[in-house]
PDB file of N, CA and C in Angstrom:
ATOM      1  N   MET A   1       0.835  -1.156   0.000  1.00  0.00           N
ATOM      2  CA  MET A   1       0.000   0.000   0.000  1.00  0.00           C
ATOM      3  C   MET A   1       0.895   1.238   0.000  1.00  0.00           C
ATOM      4  N   ILE A   2       0.563   2.213  -0.810  1.00  0.00           N
ATOM      5  CA  ILE A   2       1.307   3.466  -0.865  1.00  0.00           C
ATOM      6  C   ILE A   2       0.567   4.493  -0.029  1.00  0.00           C
ATOM      7  N   TRP A   3       1.265   5.103   0.900  1.00  0.00           N
ATOM      8  CA  TRP A   3       0.686   6.135   1.742  1.00  0.00           C
ATOM      9  C   TRP A   3       1.111   7.491   1.228  1.00  0.00           C
ATOM     10  N   ARG A   4       0.192   8.389   1.091  1.00  0.00           N
ATOM     11  CA  ARG A   4       0.463   9.752   0.643  1.00  0.00           C
ATOM     12  C   ARG A   4       0.005  10.722   1.724  1.00  0.00           C
ATOM     13  N   SER A   5       0.830  11.698   2.006  1.00  0.00           N
ATOM     14  CA  SER A   5       0.508  12.722   2.988  1.00  0.00           C
ATOM     15  C   SER A   5      -0.642  13.583   2.485  1.00  0.00           C
ATOM     16  N   GLY A   6      -1.405  14.120   3.403  1.00  0.00           N
ATOM     17  CA  GLY A   6      -2.462  15.049   3.063  1.00  0.00           C
ATOM     18  C   GLY A   6      -1.912  16.453   2.798  1.00  0.00           C
ATOM     19  N   TYR A   7      -0.635  16.647   3.087  1.00  0.00           N
ATOM     20  CA  TYR A   7       0.009  17.944   2.863  1.00  0.00           C
ATOM     21  C   TYR A   7       0.573  18.016   1.456  1.00  0.00           C
ATOM     22  N   PRO A   8       0.754  19.233   0.935  1.00  0.00           N
ATOM     23  CA  PRO A   8       1.336  19.360  -0.404  1.00  0.00           C
ATOM     24  C   PRO A   8       2.775  18.837  -0.425  1.00  0.00           C
ATOM     25  N   GLU A   9       3.198  18.385  -1.588  1.00  0.00           N
ATOM     26  CA  GLU A   9       4.571  17.911  -1.724  1.00  0.00           C
ATOM     27  C   GLU A   9       5.539  19.061  -1.508  1.00  0.00           C
ATOM     28  N   VAL A  10       6.696  18.727  -0.940  1.00  0.00           N
ATOM     29  CA  VAL A  10       7.721  19.733  -0.672  1.00  0.00           C
ATOM     30  C   VAL A  10       8.710  19.723  -1.831  1.00  0.00           C
ATOM     31  N   PRO A  11       8.849  20.850  -2.530  1.00  0.00           N
ATOM     32  CA  PRO A  11       9.808  20.876  -3.640  1.00  0.00           C
ATOM     33  C   PRO A  11      11.237  20.854  -3.106  1.00  0.00           C
ATOM     34  N   VAL A  12      12.067  20.035  -3.706  1.00  0.00           N
ATOM     35  CA  VAL A  12      13.470  19.943  -3.283  1.00  0.00           C
ATOM     36  C   VAL A  12      14.405  20.293  -4.431  1.00  0.00           C
ATOM     37  N   GLY A  13      13.908  21.017  -5.395  1.00  0.00           N
ATOM     38  CA  GLY A  13      14.773  21.494  -6.461  1.00  0.00           C
ATOM     39  C   GLY A  13      15.225  20.432  -7.431  1.00  0.00           C
ATOM     40  N   GLY A  14      14.393  19.419  -7.663  1.00  0.00           N
ATOM     41  CA  GLY A  14      14.737  18.397  -8.639  1.00  0.00           C
ATOM     42  C   GLY A  14      15.882  17.508  -8.209  1.00  0.00           C
ATOM     43  N   THR A  15      16.072  17.341  -6.916  1.00  0.00           N
ATOM     44  CA  THR A  15      17.163  16.504  -6.422  1.00  0.00           C
ATOM     45  C   THR A  15      16.601  15.388  -5.561  1.00  0.00           C
ATOM     46  N   THR A  16      17.477  14.596  -4.996  1.00  0.00           N
ATOM     47  CA  THR A  16      17.092  13.497  -4.111  1.00  0.00           C
ATOM     48  C   THR A  16      17.841  13.651  -2.795  1.00  0.00           C
ATOM     49  N   LEU A  17      17.385  12.970  -1.771  1.00  0.00           N
ATOM     50  CA  LEU A  17      18.081  13.012  -0.489  1.00  0.00           C
ATOM     51  C   LEU A  17      19.523  12.521  -0.635  1.00  0.00           C
ATOM     52  N   PRO A  18      19.777  11.383  -1.309  1.00  0.00           N
ATOM     53  CA  PRO A  18      21.176  10.959  -1.467  1.00  0.00           C
ATOM     54  C   PRO A  18      22.028  11.996  -2.198  1.00  0.00           C
ATOM     55  N   ALA A  19      21.461  12.669  -3.191  1.00  0.00           N
ATOM     56  CA  ALA A  19      22.218  13.696  -3.912  1.00  0.00           C
ATOM     57  C   ALA A  19      22.502  14.886  -3.012  1.00  0.00           C
ATOM     58  N   MET A  20      21.545  15.255  -2.166  1.00  0.00           N
ATOM     59  CA  MET A  20      21.758  16.359  -1.233  1.00  0.00           C
ATOM     60  C   MET A  20      22.868  16.018  -0.243  1.00  0.00           C
ATOM     61  N   VAL A  21      22.863  14.787   0.253  1.00  0.00           N
ATOM     62  CA  VAL A  21      23.902  14.360   1.195  1.00  0.00           C
ATOM     63  C   VAL A  21      25.255  14.298   0.487  1.00  0.00           C
ATOM     64  N   GLU A  22      25.261  13.806  -0.746  1.00  0.00           N
ATOM     65  CA  GLU A  22      26.508  13.749  -1.516  1.00  0.00           C
ATOM     66  C   GLU A  22      27.101  15.144  -1.693  1.00  0.00           C
ATOM     67  N   SER A  23      26.271  16.116  -1.942  1.00  0.00           N
ATOM     68  CA  SER A  23      26.729  17.497  -2.068  1.00  0.00           C
ATOM     69  C   SER A  23      27.322  17.988  -0.745  1.00  0.00           C
ATOM     70  N   ALA A  24      26.677  17.645   0.360  1.00  0.00           N
ATOM     71  CA  ALA A  24      27.185  18.033   1.676  1.00  0.00           C
ATOM     72  C   ALA A  24      28.515  17.347   1.968  1.00  0.00           C
ATOM     73  N   ILE A  25      28.676  16.107   1.503  1.00  0.00           N
ATOM     74  CA  ILE A  25      29.933  15.377   1.696  1.00  0.00           C
ATOM     75  C   ILE A  25      31.067  16.128   1.017  1.00  0.00           C
ATOM     76  N   GLU A  26      30.814  16.600  -0.200  1.00  0.00           N
ATOM     77  CA  GLU A  26      31.834  17.339  -0.945  1.00  0.00           C
ATOM     78  C   GLU A  26      32.190  18.653  -0.258  1.00  0.00           C
ATOM     79  N   ARG A  27      31.205  19.326   0.317  1.00  0.00           N
ATOM     80  CA  ARG A  27      31.429  20.642   0.918  1.00  0.00           C
ATOM     81  C   ARG A  27      31.911  20.567   2.360  1.00  0.00           C
ATOM     82  N   ARG A  28      31.474  19.539   3.105  1.00  0.00           N
ATOM     83  CA  ARG A  28      31.696  19.519   4.555  1.00  0.00           C
ATOM     84  C   ARG A  28      32.752  18.522   5.010  1.00  0.00           C
ATOM     85  N   GLY A  29      33.120  17.571   4.163  1.00  0.00           N
ATOM     86  CA  GLY A  29      34.206  16.626   4.444  1.00  0.00           C
ATOM     87  C   GLY A  29      34.280  16.081   5.852  1.00  0.00           C
ATOM     88  N   GLU A  30      35.205  16.606   6.625  1.00  0.00           N
ATOM     89  CA  GLU A  30      35.462  16.067   7.968  1.00  0.00           C
ATOM     90  C   GLU A  30      34.570  16.657   9.057  1.00  0.00           C
ATOM     91  N   HIS A  31      33.629  17.520   8.712  1.00  0.00           N
ATOM     92  CA  HIS A  31      32.671  18.014   9.703  1.00  0.00           C
ATOM     93  C   HIS A  31      31.738  16.877  10.109  1.00  0.00           C
ATOM     94  N   THR A  32      31.179  16.961  11.281  1.00  0.00           N
ATOM     95  CA  THR A  32      30.273  15.935  11.785  1.00  0.00           C
ATOM     96  C   THR A  32      28.963  15.948  11.014  1.00  0.00           C
ATOM     97  N   ALA A  33      28.578  14.770  10.534  1.00  0.00           N
ATOM     98  CA  ALA A  33      27.321  14.615   9.800  1.00  0.00           C
ATOM     99  C   ALA A  33      26.224  14.062  10.710  1.00  0.00           C
ATOM    100  N   LEU A  34      26.575  13.071  11.522  1.00  0.00           N
ATOM    101  CA  LEU A  34      25.599  12.392  12.366  1.00  0.00           C
ATOM    102  C   LEU A  34      26.191  12.133  13.743  1.00  0.00           C
ATOM    103  N   ILE A  35      25.345  12.209  14.758  1.00  0.00           N
ATOM    104  CA  ILE A  35      25.753  11.867  16.120  1.00  0.00           C
ATOM    105  C   ILE A  35      24.723  10.901  16.682  1.00  0.00           C
ATOM    106  N   ASP A  36      25.190   9.794  17.226  1.00  0.00           N
ATOM    107  CA  ASP A  36      24.306   8.845  17.893  1.00  0.00           C
ATOM    108  C   ASP A  36      24.062   9.366  19.306  1.00  0.00           C
ATOM    109  N   GLY A  37      22.827   9.752  19.589  1.00  0.00           N
ATOM    110  CA  GLY A  37      22.495  10.356  20.880  1.00  0.00           C
ATOM    111  C   GLY A  37      22.911   9.538  22.092  1.00  0.00           C
ATOM    112  N   PRO A  38      22.472   8.267  22.180  1.00  0.00           N
ATOM    113  CA  PRO A  38      22.787   7.498  23.386  1.00  0.00           C
ATOM    114  C   PRO A  38      24.288   7.267  23.610  1.00  0.00           C
ATOM    115  N   SER A  39      25.033   6.999  22.554  1.00  0.00           N
ATOM    116  CA  SER A  39      26.458   6.674  22.732  1.00  0.00           C
ATOM    117  C   SER A  39      27.365   7.887  22.551  1.00  0.00           C
ATOM    118  N   GLY A  40      26.879   8.903  21.823  1.00  0.00           N
ATOM    119  CA  GLY A  40      27.710  10.063  21.533  1.00  0.00           C
ATOM    120  C   GLY A  40      28.660   9.852  20.364  1.00  0.00           C
ATOM    121  N   ALA A  41      28.639   8.660  19.766  1.00  0.00           N
ATOM    122  CA  ALA A  41      29.517   8.373  18.619  1.00  0.00           C
ATOM    123  C   ALA A  41      29.111   9.255  17.445  1.00  0.00           C
ATOM    124  N   SER A  42      30.117   9.794  16.749  1.00  0.00           N
ATOM    125  CA  SER A  42      29.814  10.658  15.617  1.00  0.00           C
ATOM    126  C   SER A  42      30.452  10.123  14.341  1.00  0.00           C
ATOM    127  N   VAL A  43      29.910  10.576  13.212  1.00  0.00           N
ATOM    128  CA  VAL A  43      30.386  10.172  11.890  1.00  0.00           C
ATOM    129  C   VAL A  43      30.552  11.436  11.055  1.00  0.00           C
ATOM    130  N   SER A  44      31.695  11.579  10.406  1.00  0.00           N
ATOM    131  CA  SER A  44      31.915  12.738   9.541  1.00  0.00           C
ATOM    132  C   SER A  44      31.182  12.529   8.215  1.00  0.00           C
ATOM    133  N   TYR A  45      31.020  13.624   7.476  1.00  0.00           N
ATOM    134  CA  TYR A  45      30.414  13.510   6.150  1.00  0.00           C
ATOM    135  C   TYR A  45      31.250  12.599   5.249  1.00  0.00           C
ATOM    136  N   ALA A  46      32.583  12.727   5.336  1.00  0.00           N
ATOM    137  CA  ALA A  46      33.452  11.895   4.497  1.00  0.00           C
ATOM    138  C   ALA A  46      33.277  10.415   4.820  1.00  0.00           C
ATOM    139  N   GLU A  47      33.236  10.083   6.109  1.00  0.00           N
ATOM    140  CA  GLU A  47      33.056   8.681   6.501  1.00  0.00           C
ATOM    141  C   GLU A  47      31.667   8.194   6.114  1.00  0.00           C
ATOM    142  N   LEU A  48      30.656   9.022   6.276  1.00  0.00           N
ATOM    143  CA  LEU A  48      29.309   8.649   5.856  1.00  0.00           C
ATOM    144  C   LEU A  48      29.317   8.334   4.363  1.00  0.00           C
ATOM    145  N   GLY A  49      29.979   9.164   3.582  1.00  0.00           N
ATOM    146  CA  GLY A  49      30.064   8.929   2.142  1.00  0.00           C
ATOM    147  C   GLY A  49      30.737   7.615   1.815  1.00  0.00           C
ATOM    148  N   ARG A  50      31.833   7.299   2.516  1.00  0.00           N
ATOM    149  CA  ARG A  50      32.520   6.019   2.279  1.00  0.00           C
ATOM    150  C   ARG A  50      31.607   4.841   2.611  1.00  0.00           C
ATOM    151  N   ARG A  51      30.886   4.957   3.716  1.00  0.00           N
ATOM    152  CA  ARG A  51      29.968   3.879   4.116  1.00  0.00           C
ATOM    153  C   ARG A  51      28.862   3.693   3.079  1.00  0.00           C
ATOM    154  N   VAL A  52      28.299   4.803   2.628  1.00  0.00           N
ATOM    155  CA  VAL A  52      27.215   4.732   1.636  1.00  0.00           C
ATOM    156  C   VAL A  52      27.712   4.053   0.360  1.00  0.00           C
ATOM    157  N   LEU A  53      28.906   4.406  -0.091  1.00  0.00           N
ATOM    158  CA  LEU A  53      29.451   3.778  -1.310  1.00  0.00           C
ATOM    159  C   LEU A  53      29.663   2.286  -1.126  1.00  0.00           C
ATOM    160  N   ARG A  54      30.241   1.891   0.019  1.00  0.00           N
ATOM    161  CA  ARG A  54      30.476   0.451   0.268  1.00  0.00           C
ATOM    162  C   ARG A  54      29.162  -0.320   0.334  1.00  0.00           C
ATOM    163  N   ILE A  55      28.200   0.219   1.069  1.00  0.00           N
ATOM    164  CA  ILE A  55      26.925  -0.491   1.234  1.00  0.00           C
ATOM    165  C   ILE A  55      26.163  -0.531  -0.078  1.00  0.00           C
ATOM    166  N   SER A  56      26.172   0.562  -0.840  1.00  0.00           N
ATOM    167  CA  SER A  56      25.441   0.547  -2.109  1.00  0.00           C
ATOM    168  C   SER A  56      26.084  -0.428  -3.089  1.00  0.00           C
ATOM    169  N   ALA A  57      27.400  -0.572  -3.067  1.00  0.00           N
ATOM    170  CA  ALA A  57      28.063  -1.569  -3.920  1.00  0.00           C
ATOM    171  C   ALA A  57      27.637  -2.972  -3.505  1.00  0.00           C
ATOM    172  N   TRP A  58      27.568  -3.209  -2.212  1.00  0.00           N
ATOM    173  CA  TRP A  58      27.153  -4.519  -1.711  1.00  0.00           C
ATOM    174  C   TRP A  58      25.708  -4.814  -2.115  1.00  0.00           C
ATOM    175  N   LEU A  59      24.822  -3.827  -1.935  1.00  0.00           N
ATOM    176  CA  LEU A  59      23.416  -4.024  -2.312  1.00  0.00           C
ATOM    177  C   LEU A  59      23.268  -4.240  -3.820  1.00  0.00           C
ATOM    178  N   ALA A  60      23.979  -3.438  -4.610  1.00  0.00           N
ATOM    179  CA  ALA A  60      23.902  -3.584  -6.075  1.00  0.00           C
ATOM    180  C   ALA A  60      24.378  -4.963  -6.500  1.00  0.00           C
ATOM    181  N   GLY A  61      25.392  -5.480  -5.825  1.00  0.00           N
ATOM    182  CA  GLY A  61      25.899  -6.822  -6.127  1.00  0.00           C
ATOM    183  C   GLY A  61      24.887  -7.914  -5.843  1.00  0.00           C
ATOM    184  N   ARG A  62      23.892  -7.605  -5.058  1.00  0.00           N
ATOM    185  CA  ARG A  62      22.826  -8.556  -4.743  1.00  0.00           C
ATOM    186  C   ARG A  62      21.552  -8.237  -5.498  1.00  0.00           C
ATOM    187  N   GLY A  63      21.677  -7.341  -6.487  1.00  0.00           N
ATOM    188  CA  GLY A  63      20.554  -7.078  -7.376  1.00  0.00           C
ATOM    189  C   GLY A  63      19.595  -5.983  -6.951  1.00  0.00           C
ATOM    190  N   VAL A  64      19.911  -5.250  -5.904  1.00  0.00           N
ATOM    191  CA  VAL A  64      19.012  -4.182  -5.456  1.00  0.00           C
ATOM    192  C   VAL A  64      19.127  -2.993  -6.407  1.00  0.00           C
ATOM    193  N   GLY A  65      17.982  -2.454  -6.789  1.00  0.00           N
ATOM    194  CA  GLY A  65      17.963  -1.311  -7.696  1.00  0.00           C
ATOM    195  C   GLY A  65      16.601  -0.662  -7.715  1.00  0.00           C
ATOM    196  N   PRO A  66      16.338   0.175  -8.715  1.00  0.00           N
ATOM    197  CA  PRO A  66      15.054   0.862  -8.819  1.00  0.00           C
ATOM    198  C   PRO A  66      13.887  -0.125  -8.775  1.00  0.00           C
ATOM    199  N   GLY A  67      12.851   0.249  -8.026  1.00  0.00           N
ATOM    200  CA  GLY A  67      11.676  -0.604  -7.914  1.00  0.00           C
ATOM    201  C   GLY A  67      11.721  -1.564  -6.748  1.00  0.00           C
ATOM    202  N   HIS A  68      12.887  -1.765  -6.137  1.00  0.00           N
ATOM    203  CA  HIS A  68      12.991  -2.644  -4.980  1.00  0.00           C
ATOM    204  C   HIS A  68      12.694  -1.877  -3.699  1.00  0.00           C
ATOM    205  N   THR A  69      12.323  -2.601  -2.663  1.00  0.00           N
ATOM    206  CA  THR A  69      12.153  -2.034  -1.336  1.00  0.00           C
ATOM    207  C   THR A  69      13.117  -2.729  -0.401  1.00  0.00           C
ATOM    208  N   VAL A  70      13.883  -1.953   0.337  1.00  0.00           N
ATOM    209  CA  VAL A  70      14.836  -2.497   1.303  1.00  0.00           C
ATOM    210  C   VAL A  70      14.292  -2.224   2.697  1.00  0.00           C
ATOM    211  N   ALA A  71      14.097  -3.283   3.479  1.00  0.00           N
ATOM    212  CA  ALA A  71      13.657  -3.148   4.862  1.00  0.00           C
ATOM    213  C   ALA A  71      14.898  -3.190   5.748  1.00  0.00           C
ATOM    214  N   ILE A  72      15.024  -2.192   6.603  1.00  0.00           N
ATOM    215  CA  ILE A  72      16.188  -2.132   7.501  1.00  0.00           C
ATOM    216  C   ILE A  72      15.690  -2.362   8.916  1.00  0.00           C
ATOM    217  N   TRP A  73      16.112  -3.491   9.480  1.00  0.00           N
ATOM    218  CA  TRP A  73      15.728  -3.841  10.847  1.00  0.00           C
ATOM    219  C   TRP A  73      16.903  -3.524  11.749  1.00  0.00           C
ATOM    220  N   ALA A  74      16.894  -2.320  12.291  1.00  0.00           N
ATOM    221  CA  ALA A  74      17.993  -1.849  13.124  1.00  0.00           C
ATOM    222  C   ALA A  74      17.531  -0.606  13.865  1.00  0.00           C
ATOM    223  N   PRO A  75      18.196  -0.289  14.969  1.00  0.00           N
ATOM    224  CA  PRO A  75      17.852   0.957  15.662  1.00  0.00           C
ATOM    225  C   PRO A  75      18.269   2.168  14.832  1.00  0.00           C
ATOM    226  N   ASN A  76      17.697   3.315  15.148  1.00  0.00           N
ATOM    227  CA  ASN A  76      18.007   4.547  14.419  1.00  0.00           C
ATOM    228  C   ASN A  76      19.371   5.078  14.862  1.00  0.00           C
ATOM    229  N   THR A  77      20.399   4.645  14.148  1.00  0.00           N
ATOM    230  CA  THR A  77      21.780   5.004  14.450  1.00  0.00           C
ATOM    231  C   THR A  77      22.464   5.453  13.160  1.00  0.00           C
ATOM    232  N   PRO A  78      23.680   5.996  13.242  1.00  0.00           N
ATOM    233  CA  PRO A  78      24.387   6.356  12.004  1.00  0.00           C
ATOM    234  C   PRO A  78      24.509   5.207  10.994  1.00  0.00           C
ATOM    235  N   PRO A  79      24.762   3.957  11.406  1.00  0.00           N
ATOM    236  CA  PRO A  79      24.790   2.885  10.402  1.00  0.00           C
ATOM    237  C   PRO A  79      23.446   2.706   9.685  1.00  0.00           C
ATOM    238  N   TRP A  80      22.337   2.912  10.406  1.00  0.00           N
ATOM    239  CA  TRP A  80      21.023   2.824   9.764  1.00  0.00           C
ATOM    240  C   TRP A  80      20.927   3.870   8.665  1.00  0.00           C
ATOM    241  N   ALA A  81      21.351   5.092   8.957  1.00  0.00           N
ATOM    242  CA  ALA A  81      21.285   6.171   7.974  1.00  0.00           C
ATOM    243  C   ALA A  81      22.121   5.838   6.747  1.00  0.00           C
ATOM    244  N   ALA A  82      23.307   5.265   6.952  1.00  0.00           N
ATOM    245  CA  ALA A  82      24.169   4.892   5.817  1.00  0.00           C
ATOM    246  C   ALA A  82      23.495   3.827   4.956  1.00  0.00           C
ATOM    247  N   CYS A  83      22.855   2.842   5.590  1.00  0.00           N
ATOM    248  CA  CYS A  83      22.156   1.795   4.830  1.00  0.00           C
ATOM    249  C   CYS A  83      20.992   2.380   4.040  1.00  0.00           C
ATOM    250  N   ALA A  84      20.225   3.268   4.678  1.00  0.00           N
ATOM    251  CA  ALA A  84      19.080   3.875   4.000  1.00  0.00           C
ATOM    252  C   ALA A  84      19.541   4.717   2.815  1.00  0.00           C
ATOM    253  N   LEU A  85      20.562   5.539   3.008  1.00  0.00           N
ATOM    254  CA  LEU A  85      21.075   6.370   1.913  1.00  0.00           C
ATOM    255  C   LEU A  85      21.623   5.515   0.782  1.00  0.00           C
ATOM    256  N   ALA A  86      22.271   4.397   1.118  1.00  0.00           N
ATOM    257  CA  ALA A  86      22.819   3.507   0.088  1.00  0.00           C
ATOM    258  C   ALA A  86      21.704   2.914  -0.765  1.00  0.00           C
ATOM    259  N   ALA A  87      20.637   2.470  -0.119  1.00  0.00           N
ATOM    260  CA  ALA A  87      19.512   1.900  -0.862  1.00  0.00           C
ATOM    261  C   ALA A  87      18.856   2.969  -1.745  1.00  0.00           C
ATOM    262  N   MET A  88      18.653   4.170  -1.183  1.00  0.00           N
ATOM    263  CA  MET A  88      18.051   5.260  -1.957  1.00  0.00           C
ATOM    264  C   MET A  88      18.950   5.665  -3.120  1.00  0.00           C
ATOM    265  N   ARG A  89      20.253   5.625  -2.914  1.00  0.00           N
ATOM    266  CA  ARG A  89      21.204   5.969  -3.975  1.00  0.00           C
ATOM    267  C   ARG A  89      21.019   5.058  -5.192  1.00  0.00           C
ATOM    268  N   LEU A  90      20.608   3.822  -4.938  1.00  0.00           N
ATOM    269  CA  LEU A  90      20.378   2.856  -6.014  1.00  0.00           C
ATOM    270  C   LEU A  90      18.971   2.952  -6.593  1.00  0.00           C
ATOM    271  N   GLY A  91      18.159   3.858  -6.054  1.00  0.00           N
ATOM    272  CA  GLY A  91      16.796   4.014  -6.555  1.00  0.00           C
ATOM    273  C   GLY A  91      15.785   3.142  -5.843  1.00  0.00           C
ATOM    274  N   ALA A  92      16.201   2.457  -4.779  1.00  0.00           N
ATOM    275  CA  ALA A  92      15.285   1.593  -4.033  1.00  0.00           C
ATOM    276  C   ALA A  92      14.545   2.405  -2.981  1.00  0.00           C
ATOM    277  N   ARG A  93      13.397   1.891  -2.572  1.00  0.00           N
ATOM    278  CA  ARG A  93      12.646   2.477  -1.466  1.00  0.00           C
ATOM    279  C   ARG A  93      13.169   1.884  -0.169  1.00  0.00           C
ATOM    280  N   VAL A  94      12.961   2.593   0.929  1.00  0.00           N
ATOM    281  CA  VAL A  94      13.419   2.117   2.239  1.00  0.00           C
ATOM    282  C   VAL A  94      12.242   2.095   3.189  1.00  0.00           C
ATOM    283  N   THR A  95      12.138   1.017   3.949  1.00  0.00           N
ATOM    284  CA  THR A  95      11.148   0.953   5.020  1.00  0.00           C
ATOM    285  C   THR A  95      11.890   0.577   6.298  1.00  0.00           C
ATOM    286  N   ALA A  96      11.492   1.192   7.403  1.00  0.00           N
ATOM    287  CA  ALA A  96      12.165   0.972   8.683  1.00  0.00           C
ATOM    288  C   ALA A  96      11.446  -0.079   9.508  1.00  0.00           C
ATOM    289  N   MET A  97      12.235  -0.895  10.176  1.00  0.00           N
ATOM    290  CA  MET A  97      11.707  -1.892  11.117  1.00  0.00           C
ATOM    291  C   MET A  97      12.586  -1.818  12.359  1.00  0.00           C
ATOM    292  N   ASN A  98      12.304  -0.851  13.217  1.00  0.00           N
ATOM    293  CA  ASN A  98      13.116  -0.625  14.402  1.00  0.00           C
ATOM    294  C   ASN A  98      12.840  -1.704  15.443  1.00  0.00           C
ATOM    295  N   PRO A  99      13.872  -2.410  15.915  1.00  0.00           N
ATOM    296  CA  PRO A  99      13.648  -3.474  16.897  1.00  0.00           C
ATOM    297  C   PRO A  99      13.124  -2.955  18.245  1.00  0.00           C
ATOM    298  N   ALA A 100      13.179  -1.647  18.475  1.00  0.00           N
ATOM    299  CA  ALA A 100      12.665  -1.079  19.713  1.00  0.00           C
ATOM    300  C   ALA A 100      11.160  -0.829  19.659  1.00  0.00           C
ATOM    301  N   TRP A 101      10.575  -0.910  18.465  1.00  0.00           N
ATOM    302  CA  TRP A 101       9.143  -0.697  18.356  1.00  0.00           C
ATOM    303  C   TRP A 101       8.384  -1.807  19.074  1.00  0.00           C
ATOM    304  N   THR A 102       7.280  -1.447  19.633  1.00  0.00           N
ATOM    305  CA  THR A 102       6.442  -2.447  20.314  1.00  0.00           C
ATOM    306  C   THR A 102       5.108  -2.547  19.582  1.00  0.00           C
ATOM    307  N   ALA A 103       4.340  -3.551  19.948  1.00  0.00           N
ATOM    308  CA  ALA A 103       3.031  -3.742  19.320  1.00  0.00           C
ATOM    309  C   ALA A 103       2.174  -2.530  19.573  1.00  0.00           C
TER     310      ALA A 103
END
């Protein structure tokens, strides 16, 4: 089932979230991109970019691409963000399955 918001679509200038992050990687390099609240661990834009490239190569090698949906069963941490961006970079949709969610 496809869910659509009742709000108008937000224009993003003909770009995608992975492209926006890629642009930030080029401009921000070693600046902090993500911080894991509970642990305080941080990831730079450059490291996030390296992770996204590695994960997207791994996913592409397993046939993930446009039209696929990738379910990520993990807590909301910097690695989750890298996996989601990698899947989106390949044109796949992402759905979250956080193990902390309850019935």
